[in-house]
Amino acid sequence: MFAVVVGVSGSGKSEYAENRAARLAEGGKLYYAAAMEPYGRDAEARIERHRRLRSGKGFRTLECYRNIEDLVGMIGPKECREATILLECMSNLLANEMFSPDARPSCAGSDRCPMESEAGTQPEKTGADVVEKILSGISVLVRQTKNLIVVTNDVFADGCTYDKETQDYIKNLGAINRRLAEAADEAVEVVYTIPMKIV
């Protein structure tokens, strides 16, 4: 099962996704893939709040800020096939891949990495590169896990004007969300704690 859960900040999407993941796991292995890097007090407070919310639900937390396909190796391929993974959340993963100085191509260091130059340095990544890299990683997880739930944000309706870098981020998140929803077995938008099925 591949499910996508979308909603604005504070909509209740995380709680819905956690409960959905716990039901899908049916007492089996349950993993929470945390994508938010703990930068600053605000981020640490949000992380702690999410820890409290999922406390007692049976999740084992794995921190994976980039290269989301690495979760298969972190869990183990055999165990992964019986696991339910909740990825929280796509907006953080995308920000990490786009803006973190530590971001690296998943093939970095290999003999044939299309995202490395002849000198072995990383060229500037385009939005399309990042989108395809993330979607490729999600595709690996969909194939390798029993259940995958991806939480993502709706950041498209505030009516504000942003700088080009932020506009590129919003455009990339929109492209990812659209492609995830198209591929999902189930897509749900949570509005004021009410889940509304899209797919």
C-alpha atoms as a PDB file:
ATOM      1  CA  MET A   1       0.000   0.000   0.000  1.00  0.00           C
ATOM      2  CA  PHE A   2       1.278   3.429  -0.948  1.00  0.00           C
ATOM      3  CA  ALA A   3      -0.597   6.354   0.593  1.00  0.00           C
ATOM      4  CA  VAL A   4      -0.130  10.115   0.499  1.00  0.00           C
ATOM      5  CA  VAL A   5      -1.502  12.447   3.164  1.00  0.00           C
ATOM      6  CA  VAL A   6      -1.576  16.184   2.466  1.00  0.00           C
ATOM      7  CA  GLY A   7      -2.724  19.190   4.461  1.00  0.00           C
ATOM      8  CA  VAL A   8      -1.810  22.653   5.642  1.00  0.00           C
ATOM      9  CA  SER A   9       0.212  23.195   8.803  1.00  0.00           C
ATOM     10  CA  GLY A  10      -1.856  22.350  11.878  1.00  0.00           C
ATOM     11  CA  SER A  11      -4.526  20.465   9.890  1.00  0.00           C
ATOM     12  CA  GLY A  12      -4.138  17.190  11.793  1.00  0.00           C
ATOM     13  CA  LYS A  13      -2.487  15.396   8.873  1.00  0.00           C
ATOM     14  CA  SER A  14       0.325  13.981  11.017  1.00  0.00           C
ATOM     15  CA  GLU A  15      -1.999  12.405  13.569  1.00  0.00           C
ATOM     16  CA  TYR A  16      -4.173  10.974  10.801  1.00  0.00           C
ATOM     17  CA  ALA A  17      -1.101   9.525   9.030  1.00  0.00           C
ATOM     18  CA  GLU A  18       0.277   8.029  12.256  1.00  0.00           C
ATOM     19  CA  ASN A  19      -3.023   6.304  13.032  1.00  0.00           C
ATOM     20  CA  ARG A  20      -3.357   5.088   9.438  1.00  0.00           C
ATOM     21  CA  ALA A  21       0.182   3.682   9.511  1.00  0.00           C
ATOM     22  CA  ALA A  22      -0.451   1.892  12.812  1.00  0.00           C
ATOM     23  CA  ARG A  23      -3.606   0.283  11.375  1.00  0.00           C
ATOM     24  CA  LEU A  24      -1.813  -0.796   8.201  1.00  0.00           C
ATOM     25  CA  ALA A  25       1.076  -2.282  10.179  1.00  0.00           C
ATOM     26  CA  GLU A  26      -1.320  -4.626  12.025  1.00  0.00           C
ATOM     27  CA  GLY A  27       1.181  -5.045  14.862  1.00  0.00           C
ATOM     28  CA  GLY A  28       4.146  -5.497  12.505  1.00  0.00           C
ATOM     29  CA  LYS A  29       7.278  -3.397  12.133  1.00  0.00           C
ATOM     30  CA  LEU A  30       6.434   0.304  12.152  1.00  0.00           C
ATOM     31  CA  TYR A  31       8.963   2.998  11.275  1.00  0.00           C
ATOM     32  CA  TYR A  32       8.784   6.777  11.430  1.00  0.00           C
ATOM     33  CA  ALA A  33      11.193   8.337   8.917  1.00  0.00           C
ATOM     34  CA  ALA A  34      11.909  11.807  10.296  1.00  0.00           C
ATOM     35  CA  ALA A  35      13.080  14.263   7.634  1.00  0.00           C
ATOM     36  CA  MET A  36      13.215  17.467   9.689  1.00  0.00           C
ATOM     37  CA  GLU A  37      16.760  18.465  10.554  1.00  0.00           C
ATOM     38  CA  PRO A  38      16.980  19.859  14.093  1.00  0.00           C
ATOM     39  CA  TYR A  39      18.140  23.392  13.242  1.00  0.00           C
ATOM     40  CA  GLY A  40      17.340  25.851  16.022  1.00  0.00           C
ATOM     41  CA  ARG A  41      14.884  25.949  18.891  1.00  0.00           C
ATOM     42  CA  ASP A  42      11.748  26.165  16.751  1.00  0.00           C
ATOM     43  CA  ALA A  43      12.665  23.010  14.846  1.00  0.00           C
ATOM     44  CA  GLU A  44      13.595  21.210  18.061  1.00  0.00           C
ATOM     45  CA  ALA A  45      10.260  22.193  19.625  1.00  0.00           C
ATOM     46  CA  ARG A  46       8.337  20.862  16.603  1.00  0.00           C
ATOM     47  CA  ILE A  47      10.314  17.629  16.653  1.00  0.00           C
ATOM     48  CA  GLU A  48       9.616  17.154  20.358  1.00  0.00           C
ATOM     49  CA  ARG A  49       5.894  17.828  19.813  1.00  0.00           C
ATOM     50  CA  HIS A  50       5.754  15.157  17.106  1.00  0.00           C
ATOM     51  CA  ARG A  51       7.592  12.704  19.373  1.00  0.00           C
ATOM     52  CA  ARG A  52       4.952  13.227  22.064  1.00  0.00           C
ATOM     53  CA  LEU A  53       2.099  12.816  19.556  1.00  0.00           C
ATOM     54  CA  ARG A  54       3.356   9.450  18.309  1.00  0.00           C
ATOM     55  CA  SER A  55       4.446   8.176  21.721  1.00  0.00           C
ATOM     56  CA  GLY A  56       2.989   4.768  22.513  1.00  0.00           C
ATOM     57  CA  LYS A  57       1.987   4.025  18.914  1.00  0.00           C
ATOM     58  CA  GLY A  58       4.816   1.560  18.305  1.00  0.00           C
ATOM     59  CA  PHE A  59       6.995   3.609  15.963  1.00  0.00           C
ATOM     60  CA  ARG A  60      10.731   3.174  15.732  1.00  0.00           C
ATOM     61  CA  THR A  61      12.173   6.523  14.629  1.00  0.00           C
ATOM     62  CA  LEU A  62      14.838   6.739  11.928  1.00  0.00           C
ATOM     63  CA  GLU A  63      16.321  10.092  10.944  1.00  0.00           C
ATOM     64  CA  CYS A  64      16.781  10.401   7.187  1.00  0.00           C
ATOM     65  CA  TYR A  65      17.223  13.955   5.977  1.00  0.00           C
ATOM     66  CA  ARG A  66      18.256  13.248   2.392  1.00  0.00           C
ATOM     67  CA  ASN A  67      18.612  10.280   0.019  1.00  0.00           C
ATOM     68  CA  ILE A  68      15.378   8.740   1.258  1.00  0.00           C
ATOM     69  CA  GLU A  69      16.093   5.409  -0.464  1.00  0.00           C
ATOM     70  CA  ASP A  70      18.812   4.890   2.172  1.00  0.00           C
ATOM     71  CA  LEU A  71      15.997   3.794   4.518  1.00  0.00           C
ATOM     72  CA  VAL A  72      16.081   0.358   2.888  1.00  0.00           C
ATOM     73  CA  GLY A  73      19.672  -0.123   4.046  1.00  0.00           C
ATOM     74  CA  MET A  74      18.971   1.369   7.466  1.00  0.00           C
ATOM     75  CA  ILE A  75      16.130  -1.083   8.090  1.00  0.00           C
ATOM     76  CA  GLY A  76      17.512  -3.999   6.103  1.00  0.00           C
ATOM     77  CA  PRO A  77      16.062  -5.236   2.789  1.00  0.00           C
ATOM     78  CA  LYS A  78      14.444  -8.359   4.268  1.00  0.00           C
ATOM     79  CA  GLU A  79      12.816  -6.557   7.196  1.00  0.00           C
ATOM     80  CA  CYS A  80      11.818  -3.686   4.934  1.00  0.00           C
ATOM     81  CA  ARG A  81       9.569  -5.978   2.884  1.00  0.00           C
ATOM     82  CA  GLU A  82       7.371  -6.522   5.955  1.00  0.00           C
ATOM     83  CA  ALA A  83       7.600  -2.960   7.287  1.00  0.00           C
ATOM     84  CA  THR A  84       5.262   0.011   7.335  1.00  0.00           C
ATOM     85  CA  ILE A  85       7.097   3.310   6.939  1.00  0.00           C
ATOM     86  CA  LEU A  86       5.668   6.753   7.624  1.00  0.00           C
ATOM     87  CA  LEU A  87       7.720   9.536   6.011  1.00  0.00           C
ATOM     88  CA  GLU A  88       7.226  12.877   7.782  1.00  0.00           C
ATOM     89  CA  CYS A  89       7.429  14.957   5.715  1.00  0.00           C
ATOM     90  CA  MET A  90       8.045  15.615   2.040  1.00  0.00           C
ATOM     91  CA  SER A  91       8.326  19.385   2.444  1.00  0.00           C
ATOM     92  CA  ASN A  92      11.276  18.947   4.828  1.00  0.00           C
ATOM     93  CA  LEU A  93      12.914  16.326   2.624  1.00  0.00           C
ATOM     94  CA  LEU A  94      12.662  18.618  -0.401  1.00  0.00           C
ATOM     95  CA  ALA A  95      14.083  21.595   1.507  1.00  0.00           C
ATOM     96  CA  ASN A  96      17.004  19.447   2.662  1.00  0.00           C
ATOM     97  CA  GLU A  97      17.713  18.199  -0.853  1.00  0.00           C
ATOM     98  CA  MET A  98      17.470  21.682  -2.355  1.00  0.00           C
ATOM     99  CA  PHE A  99      19.195  23.850   0.224  1.00  0.00           C
ATOM    100  CA  SER A 100      21.362  21.801   2.578  1.00  0.00           C
ATOM    101  CA  PRO A 101      25.106  22.104   1.969  1.00  0.00           C
ATOM    102  CA  ASP A 102      25.354  18.419   2.906  1.00  0.00           C
ATOM    103  CA  ALA A 103      23.057  17.303   0.075  1.00  0.00           C
ATOM    104  CA  ARG A 104      24.723  14.762  -2.183  1.00  0.00           C
ATOM    105  CA  PRO A 105      23.553  12.731  -5.158  1.00  0.00           C
ATOM    106  CA  SER A 106      22.588   9.214  -4.120  1.00  0.00           C
ATOM    107  CA  CYS A 107      25.188   7.929  -6.598  1.00  0.00           C
ATOM    108  CA  ALA A 108      27.976  10.202  -5.323  1.00  0.00           C
ATOM    109  CA  GLY A 109      31.353   8.536  -5.496  1.00  0.00           C
ATOM    110  CA  SER A 110      30.268   5.863  -7.982  1.00  0.00           C
ATOM    111  CA  ASP A 111      32.049   5.480 -11.316  1.00  0.00           C
ATOM    112  CA  ARG A 112      29.093   6.698 -13.334  1.00  0.00           C
ATOM    113  CA  CYS A 113      27.210   9.382 -11.478  1.00  0.00           C
ATOM    114  CA  PRO A 114      25.337  11.675 -13.895  1.00  0.00           C
ATOM    115  CA  MET A 115      25.155  14.346 -11.190  1.00  0.00           C
ATOM    116  CA  GLU A 116      28.958  14.631 -10.813  1.00  0.00           C
ATOM    117  CA  SER A 117      31.293  16.409 -13.182  1.00  0.00           C
ATOM    118  CA  GLU A 118      34.475  14.930 -14.649  1.00  0.00           C
ATOM    119  CA  ALA A 119      36.446  16.421 -11.755  1.00  0.00           C
ATOM    120  CA  GLY A 120      34.185  14.661  -9.248  1.00  0.00           C
ATOM    121  CA  THR A 121      32.528  17.830  -8.012  1.00  0.00           C
ATOM    122  CA  GLN A 122      28.799  18.289  -7.903  1.00  0.00           C
ATOM    123  CA  PRO A 123      27.336  20.695 -10.461  1.00  0.00           C
ATOM    124  CA  GLU A 124      24.481  23.003  -9.549  1.00  0.00           C
ATOM    125  CA  LYS A 125      21.333  20.882  -9.177  1.00  0.00           C
ATOM    126  CA  THR A 126      18.250  21.950 -11.090  1.00  0.00           C
ATOM    127  CA  GLY A 127      14.744  21.709  -9.690  1.00  0.00           C
ATOM    128  CA  ALA A 128      14.014  18.875 -12.110  1.00  0.00           C
ATOM    129  CA  ASP A 129      17.096  16.973 -10.853  1.00  0.00           C
ATOM    130  CA  VAL A 130      15.944  17.238  -7.249  1.00  0.00           C
ATOM    131  CA  VAL A 131      12.338  16.307  -8.056  1.00  0.00           C
ATOM    132  CA  GLU A 132      13.429  13.222 -10.009  1.00  0.00           C
ATOM    133  CA  LYS A 133      15.943  12.218  -7.320  1.00  0.00           C
ATOM    134  CA  ILE A 134      13.277  12.324  -4.605  1.00  0.00           C
ATOM    135  CA  LEU A 135      10.666  10.531  -6.720  1.00  0.00           C
ATOM    136  CA  SER A 136      13.224   7.858  -7.592  1.00  0.00           C
ATOM    137  CA  GLY A 137      13.905   7.333  -3.884  1.00  0.00           C
ATOM    138  CA  ILE A 138      10.186   7.093  -3.115  1.00  0.00           C
ATOM    139  CA  SER A 139       9.802   4.569  -5.937  1.00  0.00           C
ATOM    140  CA  VAL A 140      12.497   2.401  -4.304  1.00  0.00           C
ATOM    141  CA  LEU A 141      10.591   2.508  -0.996  1.00  0.00           C
ATOM    142  CA  VAL A 142       7.264   1.693  -2.660  1.00  0.00           C
ATOM    143  CA  ARG A 143       8.830  -1.412  -4.234  1.00  0.00           C
ATOM    144  CA  GLN A 144      10.744  -2.488  -1.122  1.00  0.00           C
ATOM    145  CA  THR A 145       8.189  -1.963   1.681  1.00  0.00           C
ATOM    146  CA  LYS A 146       4.881  -3.473   2.649  1.00  0.00           C
ATOM    147  CA  ASN A 147       3.298  -0.059   3.308  1.00  0.00           C
ATOM    148  CA  LEU A 148       4.553   3.461   2.721  1.00  0.00           C
ATOM    149  CA  ILE A 149       2.755   6.609   3.854  1.00  0.00           C
ATOM    150  CA  VAL A 150       4.145   9.978   2.794  1.00  0.00           C
ATOM    151  CA  VAL A 151       3.006  13.125   4.599  1.00  0.00           C
ATOM    152  CA  THR A 152       3.289  16.349   2.614  1.00  0.00           C
ATOM    153  CA  ASN A 153       2.277  19.965   2.989  1.00  0.00           C
ATOM    154  CA  ASP A 154      -0.142  22.165   1.108  1.00  0.00           C
ATOM    155  CA  VAL A 155       1.792  25.442   0.808  1.00  0.00           C
ATOM    156  CA  PHE A 156       0.143  26.706  -2.348  1.00  0.00           C
ATOM    157  CA  ALA A 157      -2.774  28.881  -1.285  1.00  0.00           C
ATOM    158  CA  ASP A 158      -1.483  31.676   0.939  1.00  0.00           C
ATOM    159  CA  GLY A 159      -1.529  34.289  -1.819  1.00  0.00           C
ATOM    160  CA  CYS A 160       1.903  35.654  -0.874  1.00  0.00           C
ATOM    161  CA  THR A 161       4.667  36.631  -3.276  1.00  0.00           C
ATOM    162  CA  TYR A 162       8.055  35.064  -2.607  1.00  0.00           C
ATOM    163  CA  ASP A 163      11.629  35.348  -3.841  1.00  0.00           C
ATOM    164  CA  LYS A 164      12.691  33.126  -6.742  1.00  0.00           C
ATOM    165  CA  GLU A 165      14.329  30.500  -4.522  1.00  0.00           C
ATOM    166  CA  THR A 166      11.128  30.037  -2.507  1.00  0.00           C
ATOM    167  CA  GLN A 167       8.990  30.056  -5.660  1.00  0.00           C
ATOM    168  CA  ASP A 168      11.207  27.287  -7.079  1.00  0.00           C
ATOM    169  CA  TYR A 169      10.757  25.295  -3.864  1.00  0.00           C
ATOM    170  CA  ILE A 170       6.955  25.674  -4.034  1.00  0.00           C
ATOM    171  CA  LYS A 171       6.949  24.678  -7.712  1.00  0.00           C
ATOM    172  CA  ASN A 172       9.058  21.593  -6.970  1.00  0.00           C
ATOM    173  CA  LEU A 173       6.850  20.560  -4.044  1.00  0.00           C
ATOM    174  CA  GLY A 174       3.780  20.936  -6.264  1.00  0.00           C
ATOM    175  CA  ALA A 175       5.364  18.707  -8.917  1.00  0.00           C
ATOM    176  CA  ILE A 176       6.272  16.076  -6.320  1.00  0.00           C
ATOM    177  CA  ASN A 177       2.835  16.149  -4.671  1.00  0.00           C
ATOM    178  CA  ARG A 178       1.092  15.769  -8.026  1.00  0.00           C
ATOM    179  CA  ARG A 179       3.255  12.820  -9.056  1.00  0.00           C
ATOM    180  CA  LEU A 180       2.902  11.131  -5.666  1.00  0.00           C
ATOM    181  CA  ALA A 181      -0.895  11.453  -5.776  1.00  0.00           C
ATOM    182  CA  GLU A 182      -0.958   9.997  -9.299  1.00  0.00           C
ATOM    183  CA  ALA A 183       1.084   6.980  -8.177  1.00  0.00           C
ATOM    184  CA  ALA A 184      -0.633   6.427  -4.810  1.00  0.00           C
ATOM    185  CA  ASP A 185      -3.107   3.691  -3.971  1.00  0.00           C
ATOM    186  CA  GLU A 186      -4.690   6.181  -1.601  1.00  0.00           C
ATOM    187  CA  ALA A 187      -4.407   9.977  -1.362  1.00  0.00           C
ATOM    188  CA  VAL A 188      -6.075  11.910   1.449  1.00  0.00           C
ATOM    189  CA  GLU A 189      -6.291  15.628   2.192  1.00  0.00           C
ATOM    190  CA  VAL A 190      -6.806  16.433   5.859  1.00  0.00           C
ATOM    191  CA  VAL A 191      -8.809  19.622   6.399  1.00  0.00           C
ATOM    192  CA  TYR A 192      -9.341  20.757  10.011  1.00  0.00           C
ATOM    193  CA  THR A 193      -8.710  17.153  11.178  1.00  0.00           C
ATOM    194  CA  ILE A 194     -11.259  15.765   8.680  1.00  0.00           C
ATOM    195  CA  PRO A 195      -9.772  13.328   6.138  1.00  0.00           C
ATOM    196  CA  MET A 196     -11.090  13.796   2.610  1.00  0.00           C
ATOM    197  CA  LYS A 197     -10.212  11.058   0.115  1.00  0.00           C
ATOM    198  CA  ILE A 198      -8.710  12.312  -3.160  1.00  0.00           C
ATOM    199  CA  VAL A 199      -7.770   8.924  -4.661  1.00  0.00           C
END
